[in-house]
Amino acid sequence: MAHPYHHAVRSVRLFGGKPEDYIEIHSWFDETKRNYADFRHRALRHHSLGIYWYEEQFGVTITNSDGKEIPVRIIGEQHVKDDLGFIPTVEDWLKAIKPERWMVMTRRDVNERMQQTNEQP
């Protein structure tokens, strides 16, 4: 889905209420688009741990405008499944990252590189 609003409309179909009841949840999952504006932003929160982070931050349930209490974890699971088709783990995302040299540089590597750039010809 392209926008948190569309996720919120789907939540209304599933759980009742109004889109405004759900927009904060769906916006939280997608606010990482500020950092990376394509699908890769999902690696930061679209996983099982991200769903639990949301619950820890905002509480176990919300009460929608119909007066129905809805577990936020269920709403988060719906968001991730709608985007990815399943709920990956953090490990699933990390396994897909292609390692680069800078990711594994040791302090010694950094010191050697600094010395090389500071040497005069």
N, C-alpha and C. Protein backbone atom coordinates (compact mmCIF):
# COMPACT_ATOMS: atom_id res chain seq x y z
N MET A 1 0.84 -1.18 0.00
CA MET A 1 0.00 0.00 0.00
C MET A 1 0.88 1.24 0.00
N ALA A 2 0.42 2.27 -0.64
CA ALA A 2 1.27 3.43 -0.86
C ALA A 2 1.26 4.44 0.27
N HIS A 3 0.23 4.50 1.07
CA HIS A 3 0.11 5.59 2.03
C HIS A 3 -0.54 5.09 3.32
N PRO A 4 -0.13 5.65 4.47
CA PRO A 4 -0.75 5.23 5.74
C PRO A 4 -2.28 5.36 5.74
N TYR A 5 -2.80 6.34 5.01
CA TYR A 5 -4.26 6.50 4.95
C TYR A 5 -4.92 5.25 4.37
N HIS A 6 -4.32 4.68 3.32
CA HIS A 6 -4.91 3.49 2.71
C HIS A 6 -4.88 2.31 3.69
N HIS A 7 -3.81 2.21 4.48
CA HIS A 7 -3.77 1.19 5.52
C HIS A 7 -4.89 1.44 6.54
N ALA A 8 -5.10 2.71 6.88
CA ALA A 8 -6.13 3.05 7.86
C ALA A 8 -7.53 2.70 7.35
N VAL A 9 -7.77 2.93 6.08
CA VAL A 9 -9.07 2.57 5.48
C VAL A 9 -9.26 1.05 5.55
N ARG A 10 -8.21 0.31 5.28
CA ARG A 10 -8.31 -1.16 5.39
C ARG A 10 -8.59 -1.56 6.83
N SER A 11 -7.98 -0.90 7.80
CA SER A 11 -8.24 -1.20 9.20
C SER A 11 -9.71 -0.97 9.55
N VAL A 12 -10.29 0.08 8.98
CA VAL A 12 -11.72 0.33 9.21
C VAL A 12 -12.54 -0.85 8.70
N ARG A 13 -12.22 -1.35 7.53
CA ARG A 13 -12.96 -2.51 6.98
C ARG A 13 -12.82 -3.73 7.88
N LEU A 14 -11.65 -3.90 8.48
CA LEU A 14 -11.40 -5.08 9.32
C LEU A 14 -11.93 -4.94 10.74
N PHE A 15 -11.81 -3.72 11.32
CA PHE A 15 -12.07 -3.56 12.75
C PHE A 15 -13.16 -2.55 13.09
N GLY A 16 -13.67 -1.82 12.09
CA GLY A 16 -14.67 -0.79 12.36
C GLY A 16 -14.01 0.54 12.68
N GLY A 17 -14.84 1.51 13.03
CA GLY A 17 -14.33 2.83 13.37
C GLY A 17 -14.13 3.71 12.16
N LYS A 18 -13.20 4.66 12.30
CA LYS A 18 -12.88 5.64 11.25
C LYS A 18 -11.39 5.58 10.94
N PRO A 19 -10.98 6.02 9.77
CA PRO A 19 -9.55 6.02 9.45
C PRO A 19 -8.71 6.77 10.49
N GLU A 20 -9.26 7.84 11.04
CA GLU A 20 -8.53 8.62 12.04
C GLU A 20 -8.15 7.78 13.26
N ASP A 21 -8.90 6.72 13.53
CA ASP A 21 -8.60 5.84 14.67
C ASP A 21 -7.27 5.11 14.49
N TYR A 22 -6.86 4.92 13.24
CA TYR A 22 -5.72 4.06 12.93
C TYR A 22 -4.54 4.78 12.29
N ILE A 23 -4.75 6.01 11.89
CA ILE A 23 -3.72 6.69 11.10
C ILE A 23 -2.40 6.82 11.86
N GLU A 24 -2.44 7.02 13.17
CA GLU A 24 -1.19 7.16 13.95
C GLU A 24 -0.37 5.89 13.89
N ILE A 25 -1.02 4.74 13.98
CA ILE A 25 -0.31 3.46 13.92
C ILE A 25 0.35 3.30 12.56
N HIS A 26 -0.40 3.48 11.52
CA HIS A 26 0.13 3.27 10.17
C HIS A 26 1.16 4.33 9.80
N SER A 27 1.00 5.54 10.28
CA SER A 27 2.01 6.57 10.03
C SER A 27 3.32 6.24 10.71
N TRP A 28 3.25 5.66 11.93
CA TRP A 28 4.48 5.29 12.64
C TRP A 28 5.28 4.27 11.84
N PHE A 29 4.60 3.27 11.29
CA PHE A 29 5.31 2.26 10.50
C PHE A 29 5.97 2.87 9.27
N ASP A 30 5.34 3.87 8.67
CA ASP A 30 5.83 4.42 7.41
C ASP A 30 6.64 5.70 7.55
N GLU A 31 6.82 6.22 8.77
CA GLU A 31 7.57 7.46 8.89
C GLU A 31 9.04 7.28 8.54
N THR A 32 9.50 6.05 8.45
CA THR A 32 10.89 5.81 8.04
C THR A 32 11.11 6.14 6.56
N LYS A 33 10.04 6.43 5.83
CA LYS A 33 10.19 6.88 4.44
C LYS A 33 10.94 8.20 4.38
N ARG A 34 10.98 8.92 5.50
CA ARG A 34 11.76 10.16 5.54
C ARG A 34 13.24 9.87 5.33
N ASN A 35 13.68 8.71 5.79
CA ASN A 35 15.08 8.32 5.68
C ASN A 35 15.41 7.69 4.34
N TYR A 36 14.47 6.92 3.83
CA TYR A 36 14.71 6.21 2.58
C TYR A 36 13.37 6.06 1.87
N ALA A 37 13.24 6.69 0.75
CA ALA A 37 11.93 6.85 0.12
C ALA A 37 11.49 5.70 -0.79
N ASP A 38 12.14 4.55 -0.69
CA ASP A 38 11.63 3.40 -1.43
C ASP A 38 11.38 2.26 -0.46
N PHE A 39 11.10 1.07 -0.98
CA PHE A 39 10.69 -0.06 -0.16
C PHE A 39 11.67 -0.41 0.95
N ARG A 40 12.93 -0.01 0.82
CA ARG A 40 13.94 -0.36 1.82
C ARG A 40 13.69 0.30 3.17
N HIS A 41 12.88 1.33 3.21
CA HIS A 41 12.54 1.94 4.49
C HIS A 41 11.88 0.92 5.41
N ARG A 42 11.24 -0.07 4.83
CA ARG A 42 10.51 -1.07 5.62
C ARG A 42 11.44 -1.91 6.50
N ALA A 43 12.69 -2.01 6.15
CA ALA A 43 13.63 -2.81 6.96
C ALA A 43 13.75 -2.27 8.38
N LEU A 44 13.41 -1.01 8.60
CA LEU A 44 13.57 -0.40 9.92
C LEU A 44 12.45 -0.72 10.90
N ARG A 45 11.23 -0.97 10.41
CA ARG A 45 10.11 -1.22 11.32
C ARG A 45 9.15 -2.32 10.86
N HIS A 46 9.20 -2.71 9.62
CA HIS A 46 8.26 -3.71 9.10
C HIS A 46 8.77 -5.12 9.37
N HIS A 47 8.72 -5.50 10.64
CA HIS A 47 9.14 -6.84 11.07
C HIS A 47 8.51 -7.12 12.43
N SER A 48 8.67 -8.36 12.89
CA SER A 48 8.02 -8.76 14.13
C SER A 48 8.45 -7.89 15.31
N LEU A 49 9.70 -7.53 15.39
CA LEU A 49 10.16 -6.68 16.48
C LEU A 49 9.55 -5.29 16.38
N GLY A 50 9.43 -4.76 15.17
CA GLY A 50 8.81 -3.45 14.98
C GLY A 50 7.39 -3.40 15.50
N ILE A 51 6.67 -4.49 15.31
CA ILE A 51 5.29 -4.57 15.81
C ILE A 51 5.28 -4.49 17.34
N TYR A 52 6.21 -5.16 17.98
CA TYR A 52 6.30 -5.10 19.44
C TYR A 52 6.79 -3.73 19.91
N TRP A 53 7.70 -3.09 19.16
CA TRP A 53 8.14 -1.73 19.51
C TRP A 53 6.94 -0.79 19.56
N TYR A 54 6.08 -0.91 18.55
CA TYR A 54 4.91 -0.03 18.52
C TYR A 54 4.04 -0.26 19.75
N GLU A 55 3.81 -1.51 20.06
CA GLU A 55 2.98 -1.84 21.22
C GLU A 55 3.60 -1.28 22.51
N GLU A 56 4.91 -1.41 22.66
CA GLU A 56 5.59 -0.87 23.85
C GLU A 56 5.47 0.65 23.94
N GLN A 57 5.53 1.30 22.81
CA GLN A 57 5.52 2.75 22.78
C GLN A 57 4.12 3.34 22.97
N PHE A 58 3.10 2.69 22.42
CA PHE A 58 1.77 3.30 22.38
C PHE A 58 0.69 2.54 23.14
N GLY A 59 1.04 1.41 23.73
CA GLY A 59 0.06 0.67 24.51
C GLY A 59 -0.44 -0.57 23.81
N VAL A 60 -1.11 -1.40 24.56
CA VAL A 60 -1.53 -2.71 24.07
C VAL A 60 -2.76 -2.62 23.17
N THR A 61 -3.66 -1.69 23.48
CA THR A 61 -4.89 -1.57 22.68
C THR A 61 -5.21 -0.11 22.40
N ILE A 62 -6.07 0.08 21.41
CA ILE A 62 -6.71 1.37 21.18
C ILE A 62 -8.21 1.12 21.23
N THR A 63 -8.96 2.15 21.51
CA THR A 63 -10.42 2.07 21.43
C THR A 63 -10.82 2.92 20.23
N ASN A 64 -11.43 2.27 19.25
CA ASN A 64 -11.80 3.01 18.04
C ASN A 64 -13.07 3.81 18.28
N SER A 65 -13.49 4.59 17.29
CA SER A 65 -14.64 5.47 17.44
C SER A 65 -15.96 4.71 17.58
N ASP A 66 -15.96 3.42 17.31
CA ASP A 66 -17.15 2.58 17.56
C ASP A 66 -17.17 2.05 18.99
N GLY A 67 -16.13 2.42 19.77
CA GLY A 67 -16.05 1.94 21.15
C GLY A 67 -15.46 0.54 21.27
N LYS A 68 -14.93 0.03 20.19
CA LYS A 68 -14.36 -1.32 20.18
C LYS A 68 -12.88 -1.26 20.52
N GLU A 69 -12.44 -2.11 21.44
CA GLU A 69 -11.03 -2.15 21.82
C GLU A 69 -10.29 -3.11 20.89
N ILE A 70 -9.21 -2.60 20.27
CA ILE A 70 -8.47 -3.36 19.26
C ILE A 70 -7.01 -3.46 19.70
N PRO A 71 -6.43 -4.65 19.73
CA PRO A 71 -4.99 -4.78 20.03
C PRO A 71 -4.15 -4.13 18.93
N VAL A 72 -3.22 -3.26 19.32
CA VAL A 72 -2.40 -2.58 18.32
C VAL A 72 -1.49 -3.56 17.59
N ARG A 73 -1.12 -4.64 18.25
CA ARG A 73 -0.28 -5.63 17.58
C ARG A 73 -1.00 -6.22 16.36
N ILE A 74 -2.30 -6.44 16.49
CA ILE A 74 -3.08 -6.97 15.36
C ILE A 74 -3.09 -5.96 14.21
N ILE A 75 -3.22 -4.69 14.55
CA ILE A 75 -3.22 -3.66 13.51
C ILE A 75 -1.84 -3.58 12.85
N GLY A 76 -0.79 -3.66 13.66
CA GLY A 76 0.57 -3.65 13.11
C GLY A 76 0.83 -4.85 12.21
N GLU A 77 0.35 -6.02 12.64
CA GLU A 77 0.51 -7.23 11.82
C GLU A 77 -0.20 -7.05 10.48
N GLN A 78 -1.39 -6.46 10.51
CA GLN A 78 -2.14 -6.19 9.28
C GLN A 78 -1.33 -5.29 8.36
N HIS A 79 -0.73 -4.23 8.91
CA HIS A 79 0.05 -3.29 8.11
C HIS A 79 1.21 -4.02 7.41
N VAL A 80 1.98 -4.77 8.18
CA VAL A 80 3.16 -5.44 7.63
C VAL A 80 2.74 -6.50 6.61
N LYS A 81 1.72 -7.27 6.91
CA LYS A 81 1.25 -8.29 5.96
C LYS A 81 0.74 -7.66 4.67
N ASP A 82 0.03 -6.53 4.79
CA ASP A 82 -0.47 -5.86 3.58
C ASP A 82 0.68 -5.38 2.70
N ASP A 83 1.78 -4.95 3.32
CA ASP A 83 2.92 -4.47 2.54
C ASP A 83 3.79 -5.60 2.01
N LEU A 84 4.00 -6.64 2.82
CA LEU A 84 4.99 -7.65 2.47
C LEU A 84 4.42 -9.05 2.22
N GLY A 85 3.20 -9.28 2.64
CA GLY A 85 2.60 -10.60 2.45
C GLY A 85 2.82 -11.55 3.61
N PHE A 86 3.74 -11.21 4.50
CA PHE A 86 4.03 -12.00 5.70
C PHE A 86 4.75 -11.09 6.68
N ILE A 87 5.02 -11.59 7.87
CA ILE A 87 5.73 -10.80 8.87
C ILE A 87 7.15 -11.34 8.99
N PRO A 88 8.11 -10.62 8.43
CA PRO A 88 9.50 -11.07 8.55
C PRO A 88 10.05 -10.75 9.94
N THR A 89 11.18 -11.35 10.25
CA THR A 89 11.91 -11.01 11.47
C THR A 89 12.99 -10.00 11.10
N VAL A 90 13.63 -9.44 12.11
CA VAL A 90 14.79 -8.57 11.85
C VAL A 90 15.86 -9.38 11.12
N GLU A 91 16.04 -10.62 11.53
CA GLU A 91 17.04 -11.49 10.89
C GLU A 91 16.76 -11.62 9.39
N ASP A 92 15.50 -11.76 9.01
CA ASP A 92 15.17 -11.87 7.58
C ASP A 92 15.69 -10.65 6.82
N TRP A 93 15.48 -9.46 7.37
CA TRP A 93 15.95 -8.25 6.72
C TRP A 93 17.48 -8.19 6.70
N LEU A 94 18.12 -8.50 7.83
CA LEU A 94 19.57 -8.38 7.91
C LEU A 94 20.28 -9.38 6.99
N LYS A 95 19.71 -10.56 6.83
CA LYS A 95 20.31 -11.55 5.93
C LYS A 95 20.33 -11.05 4.49
N ALA A 96 19.43 -10.14 4.17
CA ALA A 96 19.33 -9.64 2.79
C ALA A 96 20.29 -8.48 2.51
N ILE A 97 20.97 -7.98 3.53
CA ILE A 97 21.90 -6.87 3.33
C ILE A 97 23.22 -7.39 2.79
N LYS A 98 23.66 -6.80 1.69
CA LYS A 98 24.95 -7.17 1.13
C LYS A 98 26.05 -6.48 1.94
N PRO A 99 26.91 -7.25 2.59
CA PRO A 99 27.97 -6.63 3.39
C PRO A 99 28.91 -5.80 2.54
N GLU A 100 29.30 -4.66 3.07
CA GLU A 100 30.27 -3.77 2.46
C GLU A 100 31.46 -3.66 3.42
N ARG A 101 32.61 -3.34 2.90
CA ARG A 101 33.81 -3.27 3.74
C ARG A 101 33.65 -2.29 4.90
N TRP A 102 33.06 -1.13 4.65
CA TRP A 102 32.95 -0.13 5.70
C TRP A 102 32.11 -0.63 6.87
N MET A 103 31.26 -1.62 6.65
CA MET A 103 30.40 -2.15 7.71
C MET A 103 31.18 -2.98 8.72
N VAL A 104 32.33 -3.47 8.32
CA VAL A 104 33.10 -4.36 9.19
C VAL A 104 34.48 -3.82 9.53
N MET A 105 34.71 -2.57 9.26
CA MET A 105 36.03 -2.00 9.55
C MET A 105 36.30 -2.03 11.05
N THR A 106 37.50 -2.43 11.39
CA THR A 106 37.92 -2.42 12.79
C THR A 106 38.58 -1.10 13.10
N ARG A 107 38.85 -0.86 14.35
CA ARG A 107 39.55 0.36 14.75
C ARG A 107 40.93 0.41 14.09
N ARG A 108 41.58 -0.74 13.98
CA ARG A 108 42.90 -0.80 13.34
C ARG A 108 42.79 -0.37 11.88
N ASP A 109 41.75 -0.86 11.17
CA ASP A 109 41.56 -0.46 9.78
C ASP A 109 41.39 1.04 9.65
N VAL A 110 40.63 1.61 10.56
CA VAL A 110 40.40 3.06 10.53
C VAL A 110 41.70 3.80 10.79
N ASN A 111 42.46 3.38 11.79
CA ASN A 111 43.74 4.03 12.10
C ASN A 111 44.70 3.95 10.92
N GLU A 112 44.78 2.79 10.27
CA GLU A 112 45.66 2.64 9.11
C GLU A 112 45.22 3.56 7.98
N ARG A 113 43.94 3.64 7.75
CA ARG A 113 43.44 4.50 6.68
C ARG A 113 43.74 5.97 7.00
N MET A 114 43.59 6.37 8.25
CA MET A 114 43.89 7.74 8.65
C MET A 114 45.37 8.04 8.44
N GLN A 115 46.24 7.12 8.77
CA GLN A 115 47.68 7.33 8.60
C GLN A 115 48.02 7.47 7.11
N GLN A 116 47.40 6.66 6.28
CA GLN A 116 47.67 6.72 4.84
C GLN A 116 47.24 8.06 4.26
N THR A 117 46.13 8.58 4.70
CA THR A 117 45.66 9.86 4.14
C THR A 117 46.42 11.04 4.70
N ASN A 118 47.07 10.88 5.86
CA ASN A 118 47.84 11.98 6.46
C ASN A 118 49.30 11.97 6.03
N GLU A 119 49.76 10.91 5.37
CA GLU A 119 51.15 10.84 4.93
C GLU A 119 51.40 11.79 3.77
N GLN A 120 52.56 12.38 3.77
CA GLN A 120 52.96 13.26 2.68
C GLN A 120 53.68 12.41 1.61
N PRO A 121 53.53 12.74 0.34
CA PRO A 121 54.22 11.97 -0.72
C PRO A 121 55.71 12.19 -0.74
